[in-house]
PDB file of N, CA and C in Angstrom:
ATOM      1  N   MET A   1      20.889  25.287   7.663  1.00  0.00           N
ATOM      2  CA  MET A   1      19.422  25.432   7.974  1.00  0.00           C
ATOM      3  C   MET A   1      19.303  26.158   9.426  1.00  0.00           C
ATOM      4  N   LEU A   2      18.498  26.856   9.874  1.00  0.00           N
ATOM      5  CA  LEU A   2      18.471  27.403  10.947  1.00  0.00           C
ATOM      6  C   LEU A   2      16.645  27.163  11.506  1.00  0.00           C
ATOM      7  N   LYS A   3      16.689  26.796  12.451  1.00  0.00           N
ATOM      8  CA  LYS A   3      15.370  26.607  13.159  1.00  0.00           C
ATOM      9  C   LYS A   3      15.027  28.026  14.194  1.00  0.00           C
ATOM     10  N   ALA A   4      13.757  29.117  13.749  1.00  0.00           N
ATOM     11  CA  ALA A   4      13.761  30.300  14.435  1.00  0.00           C
ATOM     12  C   ALA A   4      12.267  30.613  14.410  1.00  0.00           C
ATOM     13  N   THR A   5      12.157  31.569  15.224  1.00  0.00           N
ATOM     14  CA  THR A   5      10.509  31.924  15.536  1.00  0.00           C
ATOM     15  C   THR A   5      10.645  33.343  15.118  1.00  0.00           C
ATOM     16  N   VAL A   6       9.454  33.956  14.383  1.00  0.00           N
ATOM     17  CA  VAL A   6       8.769  35.128  13.969  1.00  0.00           C
ATOM     18  C   VAL A   6       8.749  35.786  15.045  1.00  0.00           C
ATOM     19  N   THR A   7       9.245  37.101  14.658  1.00  0.00           N
ATOM     20  CA  THR A   7       9.260  37.993  16.052  1.00  0.00           C
ATOM     21  C   THR A   7       8.398  39.622  15.450  1.00  0.00           C
ATOM     22  N   GLY A   8       8.659  39.817  14.135  1.00  0.00           N
ATOM     23  CA  GLY A   8       8.211  40.813  13.809  1.00  0.00           C
ATOM     24  C   GLY A   8       8.240  41.193  12.253  1.00  0.00           C
ATOM     25  N   ARG A   9       7.596  42.076  11.811  1.00  0.00           N
ATOM     26  CA  ARG A   9       7.718  42.127  10.263  1.00  0.00           C
ATOM     27  C   ARG A   9       8.192  43.532  10.149  1.00  0.00           C
ATOM     28  N   ILE A  10       9.422  43.680   8.759  1.00  0.00           N
ATOM     29  CA  ILE A  10      10.006  44.816   8.836  1.00  0.00           C
ATOM     30  C   ILE A  10       9.204  45.897   7.557  1.00  0.00           C
ATOM     31  N   TRP A  11       8.811  46.670   7.562  1.00  0.00           N
ATOM     32  CA  TRP A  11       8.291  47.871   6.436  1.00  0.00           C
ATOM     33  C   TRP A  11       8.897  48.487   6.162  1.00  0.00           C
ATOM     34  N   SER A  12       8.882  48.624   4.875  1.00  0.00           N
ATOM     35  CA  SER A  12       9.825  49.378   3.907  1.00  0.00           C
ATOM     36  C   SER A  12       8.910  50.215   2.766  1.00  0.00           C
ATOM     37  N   THR A  13       9.030  51.319   2.581  1.00  0.00           N
ATOM     38  CA  THR A  13       8.257  52.036   1.399  1.00  0.00           C
ATOM     39  C   THR A  13       9.059  52.405  -0.049  1.00  0.00           C
ATOM     40  N   LYS A  14      10.251  51.421   0.152  1.00  0.00           N
ATOM     41  CA  LYS A  14      10.888  51.543  -0.984  1.00  0.00           C
ATOM     42  C   LYS A  14      11.980  50.020  -0.957  1.00  0.00           C
ATOM     43  N   LYS A  15      11.871  49.742  -2.178  1.00  0.00           N
ATOM     44  CA  LYS A  15      12.878  48.464  -2.505  1.00  0.00           C
ATOM     45  C   LYS A  15      13.368  48.146  -3.745  1.00  0.00           C
ATOM     46  N   LEU A  16      14.343  47.639  -3.800  1.00  0.00           N
ATOM     47  CA  LEU A  16      15.333  47.612  -4.644  1.00  0.00           C
ATOM     48  C   LEU A  16      14.296  46.645  -6.233  1.00  0.00           C
ATOM     49  N   THR A  17      14.002  46.803  -7.117  1.00  0.00           N
ATOM     50  CA  THR A  17      13.425  46.003  -8.217  1.00  0.00           C
ATOM     51  C   THR A  17      13.961  44.619  -8.564  1.00  0.00           C
ATOM     52  N   GLU A  18      14.965  44.394  -8.117  1.00  0.00           N
ATOM     53  CA  GLU A  18      15.526  43.268  -8.130  1.00  0.00           C
ATOM     54  C   GLU A  18      14.785  42.245  -7.104  1.00  0.00           C
ATOM     55  N   MET A  19      14.180  42.373  -6.268  1.00  0.00           N
ATOM     56  CA  MET A  19      13.578  41.830  -5.324  1.00  0.00           C
ATOM     57  C   MET A  19      12.260  41.831  -5.586  1.00  0.00           C
ATOM     58  N   PRO A  20      11.815  39.875  -5.383  1.00  0.00           N
ATOM     59  CA  PRO A  20      10.673  39.414  -5.795  1.00  0.00           C
ATOM     60  C   PRO A  20       9.500  39.795  -4.706  1.00  0.00           C
ATOM     61  N   ALA A  21       8.163  39.158  -5.162  1.00  0.00           N
ATOM     62  CA  ALA A  21       7.623  39.459  -4.221  1.00  0.00           C
ATOM     63  C   ALA A  21       7.787  38.789  -2.999  1.00  0.00           C
ATOM     64  N   GLY A  22       7.295  39.367  -1.709  1.00  0.00           N
ATOM     65  CA  GLY A  22       7.405  38.571  -0.388  1.00  0.00           C
ATOM     66  C   GLY A  22       7.776  39.771   0.665  1.00  0.00           C
ATOM     67  N   SER A  23       8.153  39.287   2.035  1.00  0.00           N
ATOM     68  CA  SER A  23       8.015  40.326   3.090  1.00  0.00           C
ATOM     69  C   SER A  23       9.626  39.968   3.627  1.00  0.00           C
ATOM     70  N   ILE A  24       9.644  40.965   4.531  1.00  0.00           N
ATOM     71  CA  ILE A  24      11.220  40.784   5.264  1.00  0.00           C
ATOM     72  C   ILE A  24      10.861  40.762   6.744  1.00  0.00           C
ATOM     73  N   LEU A  25      11.071  39.748   7.232  1.00  0.00           N
ATOM     74  CA  LEU A  25      10.561  38.764   8.724  1.00  0.00           C
ATOM     75  C   LEU A  25      11.882  38.880   9.603  1.00  0.00           C
ATOM     76  N   GLU A  26      11.582  39.487  10.839  1.00  0.00           N
ATOM     77  CA  GLU A  26      12.536  39.718  11.601  1.00  0.00           C
ATOM     78  C   GLU A  26      12.664  38.221  12.608  1.00  0.00           C
ATOM     79  N   VAL A  27      13.479  37.311  12.528  1.00  0.00           N
ATOM     80  CA  VAL A  27      13.257  36.127  13.539  1.00  0.00           C
ATOM     81  C   VAL A  27      14.118  35.867  14.601  1.00  0.00           C
ATOM     82  N   VAL A  28      13.923  35.479  15.473  1.00  0.00           N
ATOM     83  CA  VAL A  28      14.910  35.106  16.203  1.00  0.00           C
ATOM     84  C   VAL A  28      15.452  33.398  16.182  1.00  0.00           C
ATOM     85  N   VAL A  29      16.796  32.989  16.010  1.00  0.00           N
ATOM     86  CA  VAL A  29      17.053  31.380  16.069  1.00  0.00           C
ATOM     87  C   VAL A  29      17.095  31.241  17.685  1.00  0.00           C
ATOM     88  N   ASP A  30      16.267  29.701  17.461  1.00  0.00           N
ATOM     89  CA  ASP A  30      15.909  29.011  18.567  1.00  0.00           C
ATOM     90  C   ASP A  30      17.270  28.504  19.513  1.00  0.00           C
ATOM     91  N   ASP A  31      16.823  28.312  20.663  1.00  0.00           N
ATOM     92  CA  ASP A  31      18.099  28.302  21.441  1.00  0.00           C
ATOM     93  C   ASP A  31      19.220  29.201  21.350  1.00  0.00           C
ATOM     94  N   SER A  32      19.041  30.367  20.833  1.00  0.00           N
ATOM     95  CA  SER A  32      19.859  31.492  20.785  1.00  0.00           C
ATOM     96  C   SER A  32      19.302  32.831  21.144  1.00  0.00           C
ATOM     97  N   SER A  33      20.124  34.002  21.299  1.00  0.00           N
ATOM     98  CA  SER A  33      19.489  35.070  21.374  1.00  0.00           C
ATOM     99  C   SER A  33      19.736  35.985  19.912  1.00  0.00           C
ATOM    100  N   SER A  34      20.254  35.122  18.685  1.00  0.00           N
ATOM    101  CA  SER A  34      20.643  35.742  17.843  1.00  0.00           C
ATOM    102  C   SER A  34      19.534  36.078  16.429  1.00  0.00           C
ATOM    103  N   LYS A  35      19.461  37.455  16.374  1.00  0.00           N
ATOM    104  CA  LYS A  35      17.796  38.120  15.343  1.00  0.00           C
ATOM    105  C   LYS A  35      18.732  38.060  13.903  1.00  0.00           C
ATOM    106  N   LEU A  36      17.707  37.736  13.104  1.00  0.00           N
ATOM    107  CA  LEU A  36      17.977  37.798  11.714  1.00  0.00           C
ATOM    108  C   LEU A  36      16.835  38.543  10.722  1.00  0.00           C
ATOM    109  N   LEU A  37      17.214  39.251   9.999  1.00  0.00           N
ATOM    110  CA  LEU A  37      15.962  39.502   9.095  1.00  0.00           C
ATOM    111  C   LEU A  37      15.911  38.411   7.723  1.00  0.00           C
ATOM    112  N   ALA A  38      14.989  37.633   7.427  1.00  0.00           N
ATOM    113  CA  ALA A  38      14.984  36.850   6.672  1.00  0.00           C
ATOM    114  C   ALA A  38      14.024  36.897   5.811  1.00  0.00           C
ATOM    115  N   PHE A  39      14.043  36.989   4.065  1.00  0.00           N
ATOM    116  CA  PHE A  39      12.914  36.918   3.240  1.00  0.00           C
ATOM    117  C   PHE A  39      12.237  36.295   3.190  1.00  0.00           C
ATOM    118  N   ASP A  40      10.777  36.228   3.331  1.00  0.00           N
ATOM    119  CA  ASP A  40       9.662  35.309   3.491  1.00  0.00           C
ATOM    120  C   ASP A  40       8.923  35.569   2.052  1.00  0.00           C
ATOM    121  N   PRO A  41       8.867  34.249   1.375  1.00  0.00           N
ATOM    122  CA  PRO A  41       7.856  34.268   0.309  1.00  0.00           C
ATOM    123  C   PRO A  41       6.750  33.316   0.482  1.00  0.00           C
ATOM    124  N   LEU A  42       6.389  33.267   1.814  1.00  0.00           N
ATOM    125  CA  LEU A  42       5.422  32.054   2.263  1.00  0.00           C
ATOM    126  C   LEU A  42       4.178  32.633   2.516  1.00  0.00           C
ATOM    127  N   GLY A  43       4.903  34.029   3.037  1.00  0.00           N
ATOM    128  CA  GLY A  43       3.548  34.738   4.043  1.00  0.00           C
ATOM    129  C   GLY A  43       3.195  34.191   5.550  1.00  0.00           C
ATOM    130  N   CYS A  44       4.416  33.802   6.344  1.00  0.00           N
ATOM    131  CA  CYS A  44       4.330  33.468   7.614  1.00  0.00           C
ATOM    132  C   CYS A  44       4.073  34.545   8.151  1.00  0.00           C
ATOM    133  N   GLY A  45       3.846  34.236   9.746  1.00  0.00           N
ATOM    134  CA  GLY A  45       3.072  35.587  10.655  1.00  0.00           C
ATOM    135  C   GLY A  45       3.727  35.607  11.834  1.00  0.00           C
ATOM    136  N   GLU A  46       3.892  36.486  12.755  1.00  0.00           N
ATOM    137  CA  GLU A  46       4.167  36.544  13.979  1.00  0.00           C
ATOM    138  C   GLU A  46       3.995  35.481  14.768  1.00  0.00           C
ATOM    139  N   GLY A  47       5.013  34.778  15.454  1.00  0.00           N
ATOM    140  CA  GLY A  47       5.123  33.590  16.557  1.00  0.00           C
ATOM    141  C   GLY A  47       5.352  32.443  15.996  1.00  0.00           C
ATOM    142  N   GLU A  48       5.515  32.442  14.518  1.00  0.00           N
ATOM    143  CA  GLU A  48       5.346  31.125  13.650  1.00  0.00           C
ATOM    144  C   GLU A  48       6.750  30.727  13.970  1.00  0.00           C
ATOM    145  N   LYS A  49       6.843  29.312  13.963  1.00  0.00           N
ATOM    146  CA  LYS A  49       8.031  28.598  13.928  1.00  0.00           C
ATOM    147  C   LYS A  49       8.801  28.534  12.309  1.00  0.00           C
ATOM    148  N   VAL A  50       9.846  28.537  12.104  1.00  0.00           N
ATOM    149  CA  VAL A  50       9.970  28.655  10.582  1.00  0.00           C
ATOM    150  C   VAL A  50      11.345  27.871  10.420  1.00  0.00           C
ATOM    151  N   ILE A  51      11.985  27.262   9.208  1.00  0.00           N
ATOM    152  CA  ILE A  51      13.119  26.756   8.870  1.00  0.00           C
ATOM    153  C   ILE A  51      13.567  27.976   7.977  1.00  0.00           C
ATOM    154  N   VAL A  52      15.097  28.470   8.043  1.00  0.00           N
ATOM    155  CA  VAL A  52      15.474  29.470   7.217  1.00  0.00           C
ATOM    156  C   VAL A  52      16.866  29.129   6.669  1.00  0.00           C
ATOM    157  N   ALA A  53      17.316  29.249   5.739  1.00  0.00           N
ATOM    158  CA  ALA A  53      18.516  28.766   4.962  1.00  0.00           C
ATOM    159  C   ALA A  53      19.197  30.071   4.988  1.00  0.00           C
ATOM    160  N   THR A  54      20.692  29.892   5.137  1.00  0.00           N
ATOM    161  CA  THR A  54      21.425  30.971   5.109  1.00  0.00           C
ATOM    162  C   THR A  54      22.357  31.208   3.989  1.00  0.00           C
ATOM    163  N   GLY A  55      22.738  32.542   3.504  1.00  0.00           N
ATOM    164  CA  GLY A  55      24.026  32.380   2.792  1.00  0.00           C
ATOM    165  C   GLY A  55      23.749  32.111   1.201  1.00  0.00           C
ATOM    166  N   SER A  56      24.633  31.447   0.543  1.00  0.00           N
ATOM    167  CA  SER A  56      24.615  31.084  -1.002  1.00  0.00           C
ATOM    168  C   SER A  56      23.447  30.003  -1.094  1.00  0.00           C
ATOM    169  N   VAL A  57      23.422  29.268  -0.296  1.00  0.00           N
ATOM    170  CA  VAL A  57      21.611  28.841  -0.548  1.00  0.00           C
ATOM    171  C   VAL A  57      20.724  29.290  -0.693  1.00  0.00           C
ATOM    172  N   ALA A  58      20.199  30.332   0.450  1.00  0.00           N
ATOM    173  CA  ALA A  58      18.890  31.393   0.335  1.00  0.00           C
ATOM    174  C   ALA A  58      19.242  31.988  -1.381  1.00  0.00           C
ATOM    175  N   ALA A  59      20.398  32.525  -1.389  1.00  0.00           N
ATOM    176  CA  ALA A  59      20.500  33.738  -2.952  1.00  0.00           C
ATOM    177  C   ALA A  59      20.407  32.935  -3.743  1.00  0.00           C
ATOM    178  N   GLY A  60      20.820  31.676  -4.104  1.00  0.00           N
ATOM    179  CA  GLY A  60      20.592  30.598  -4.933  1.00  0.00           C
ATOM    180  C   GLY A  60      19.625  29.982  -5.506  1.00  0.00           C
ATOM    181  N   TRP A  61      18.620  30.228  -4.685  1.00  0.00           N
ATOM    182  CA  TRP A  61      17.111  29.435  -4.560  1.00  0.00           C
ATOM    183  C   TRP A  61      16.228  30.352  -5.795  1.00  0.00           C
ATOM    184  N   PHE A  62      16.585  31.645  -6.230  1.00  0.00           N
ATOM    185  CA  PHE A  62      15.612  32.405  -6.861  1.00  0.00           C
ATOM    186  C   PHE A  62      16.504  32.163  -8.683  1.00  0.00           C
ATOM    187  N   PRO A  63      15.892  32.210  -9.353  1.00  0.00           N
ATOM    188  CA  PRO A  63      16.213  32.008 -10.950  1.00  0.00           C
ATOM    189  C   PRO A  63      17.175  33.429 -11.221  1.00  0.00           C
ATOM    190  N   GLY A  64      17.657  32.995 -12.388  1.00  0.00           N
ATOM    191  CA  GLY A  64      18.548  34.385 -12.927  1.00  0.00           C
ATOM    192  C   GLY A  64      19.737  34.837 -12.097  1.00  0.00           C
ATOM    193  N   LYS A  65      19.615  35.943 -12.152  1.00  0.00           N
ATOM    194  CA  LYS A  65      20.518  36.585 -11.182  1.00  0.00           C
ATOM    195  C   LYS A  65      20.080  36.472  -9.358  1.00  0.00           C
ATOM    196  N   ALA A  66      20.767  36.666  -8.637  1.00  0.00           N
ATOM    197  CA  ALA A  66      20.252  36.311  -6.908  1.00  0.00           C
ATOM    198  C   ALA A  66      19.993  37.709  -6.470  1.00  0.00           C
ATOM    199  N   PRO A  67      18.759  38.017  -6.067  1.00  0.00           N
ATOM    200  CA  PRO A  67      18.316  39.130  -5.239  1.00  0.00           C
ATOM    201  C   PRO A  67      19.784  39.303  -3.683  1.00  0.00           C
ATOM    202  N   PRO A  68      19.767  40.436  -3.580  1.00  0.00           N
ATOM    203  CA  PRO A  68      20.629  40.521  -2.712  1.00  0.00           C
ATOM    204  C   PRO A  68      19.915  40.313  -0.938  1.00  0.00           C
ATOM    205  N   ILE A  69      20.032  38.698  -1.009  1.00  0.00           N
ATOM    206  CA  ILE A  69      19.024  38.226  -0.014  1.00  0.00           C
ATOM    207  C   ILE A  69      19.937  37.106   0.568  1.00  0.00           C
ATOM    208  N   ASP A  70      20.325  37.213   1.951  1.00  0.00           N
ATOM    209  CA  ASP A  70      21.195  36.176   2.590  1.00  0.00           C
ATOM    210  C   ASP A  70      20.420  35.234   3.586  1.00  0.00           C
ATOM    211  N   ALA A  71      19.345  35.492   3.611  1.00  0.00           N
ATOM    212  CA  ALA A  71      18.741  34.498   4.746  1.00  0.00           C
ATOM    213  C   ALA A  71      16.921  34.276   4.003  1.00  0.00           C
ATOM    214  N   LEU A  72      16.747  33.171   4.047  1.00  0.00           N
ATOM    215  CA  LEU A  72      15.440  33.186   3.350  1.00  0.00           C
ATOM    216  C   LEU A  72      14.419  32.259   4.118  1.00  0.00           C
ATOM    217  N   ILE A  73      13.562  32.252   3.985  1.00  0.00           N
ATOM    218  CA  ILE A  73      12.403  31.146   4.773  1.00  0.00           C
ATOM    219  C   ILE A  73      11.777  29.993   3.972  1.00  0.00           C
ATOM    220  N   ILE A  74      12.102  28.997   4.334  1.00  0.00           N
ATOM    221  CA  ILE A  74      12.225  27.678   3.439  1.00  0.00           C
ATOM    222  C   ILE A  74      10.995  27.095   4.029  1.00  0.00           C
ATOM    223  N   GLY A  75      10.415  27.221   5.237  1.00  0.00           N
ATOM    224  CA  GLY A  75       9.606  26.416   5.712  1.00  0.00           C
ATOM    225  C   GLY A  75       8.772  26.672   7.070  1.00  0.00           C
ATOM    226  N   SER A  76       7.642  26.598   7.109  1.00  0.00           N
ATOM    227  CA  SER A  76       6.979  26.896   8.209  1.00  0.00           C
ATOM    228  C   SER A  76       6.908  25.205   9.041  1.00  0.00           C
ATOM    229  N   ILE A  77       7.128  25.486  10.255  1.00  0.00           N
ATOM    230  CA  ILE A  77       7.099  24.216  11.497  1.00  0.00           C
ATOM    231  C   ILE A  77       5.587  23.955  11.766  1.00  0.00           C
ATOM    232  N   ASP A  78       4.933  22.948  11.520  1.00  0.00           N
ATOM    233  CA  ASP A  78       3.504  22.829  12.209  1.00  0.00           C
ATOM    234  C   ASP A  78       4.004  22.206  13.807  1.00  0.00           C
ATOM    235  N   ASP A  79       3.164  22.328  14.433  1.00  0.00           N
ATOM    236  CA  ASP A  79       3.358  21.641  15.805  1.00  0.00           C
ATOM    237  C   ASP A  79       2.626  20.457  16.024  1.00  0.00           C
ATOM    238  N   ALA A  80       3.406  19.476  16.303  1.00  0.00           N
ATOM    239  CA  ALA A  80       2.756  18.315  16.277  1.00  0.00           C
ATOM    240  C   ALA A  80       1.401  17.958  17.075  1.00  0.00           C
ATOM    241  N   ALA A  81       1.490  19.123  17.925  1.00  0.00           N
ATOM    242  CA  ALA A  81       0.012  18.862  18.868  1.00  0.00           C
ATOM    243  C   ALA A  81      -1.141  19.107  18.329  1.00  0.00           C
ATOM    244  N   THR A  82      -0.963  20.031  16.825  1.00  0.00           N
ATOM    245  CA  THR A  82      -2.289  20.380  16.865  1.00  0.00           C
ATOM    246  C   THR A  82      -2.831  19.344  15.355  1.00  0.00           C
ATOM    247  N   LYS A  83      -1.891  18.475  15.334  1.00  0.00           N
ATOM    248  CA  LYS A  83      -2.042  17.593  13.870  1.00  0.00           C
ATOM    249  C   LYS A  83      -3.470  16.609  14.162  1.00  0.00           C
ATOM    250  N   THR A  84      -4.330  16.220  13.663  1.00  0.00           N
ATOM    251  CA  THR A  84      -5.166  15.406  13.402  1.00  0.00           C
ATOM    252  C   THR A  84      -5.015  14.090  13.119  1.00  0.00           C
TER     253      THR A  84
END
């Protein structure tokens, strides 16, 4: 798993029918300059810290035949300073 920050949203007018509902977001892996495109079923936004699963773990999350996804946002990281 990777800790990353959402830097943008990818817009597409066409997609494979095998793709589930969700968005494709650009993320930058923390402590790195590596960028990934990650599928987001959670509705995360720009600037949000997220947890990303990659590879077969990401594809295996989907029931049935796995869609062509190799990076999946599986969580949103809360800022401890904003918790009450």
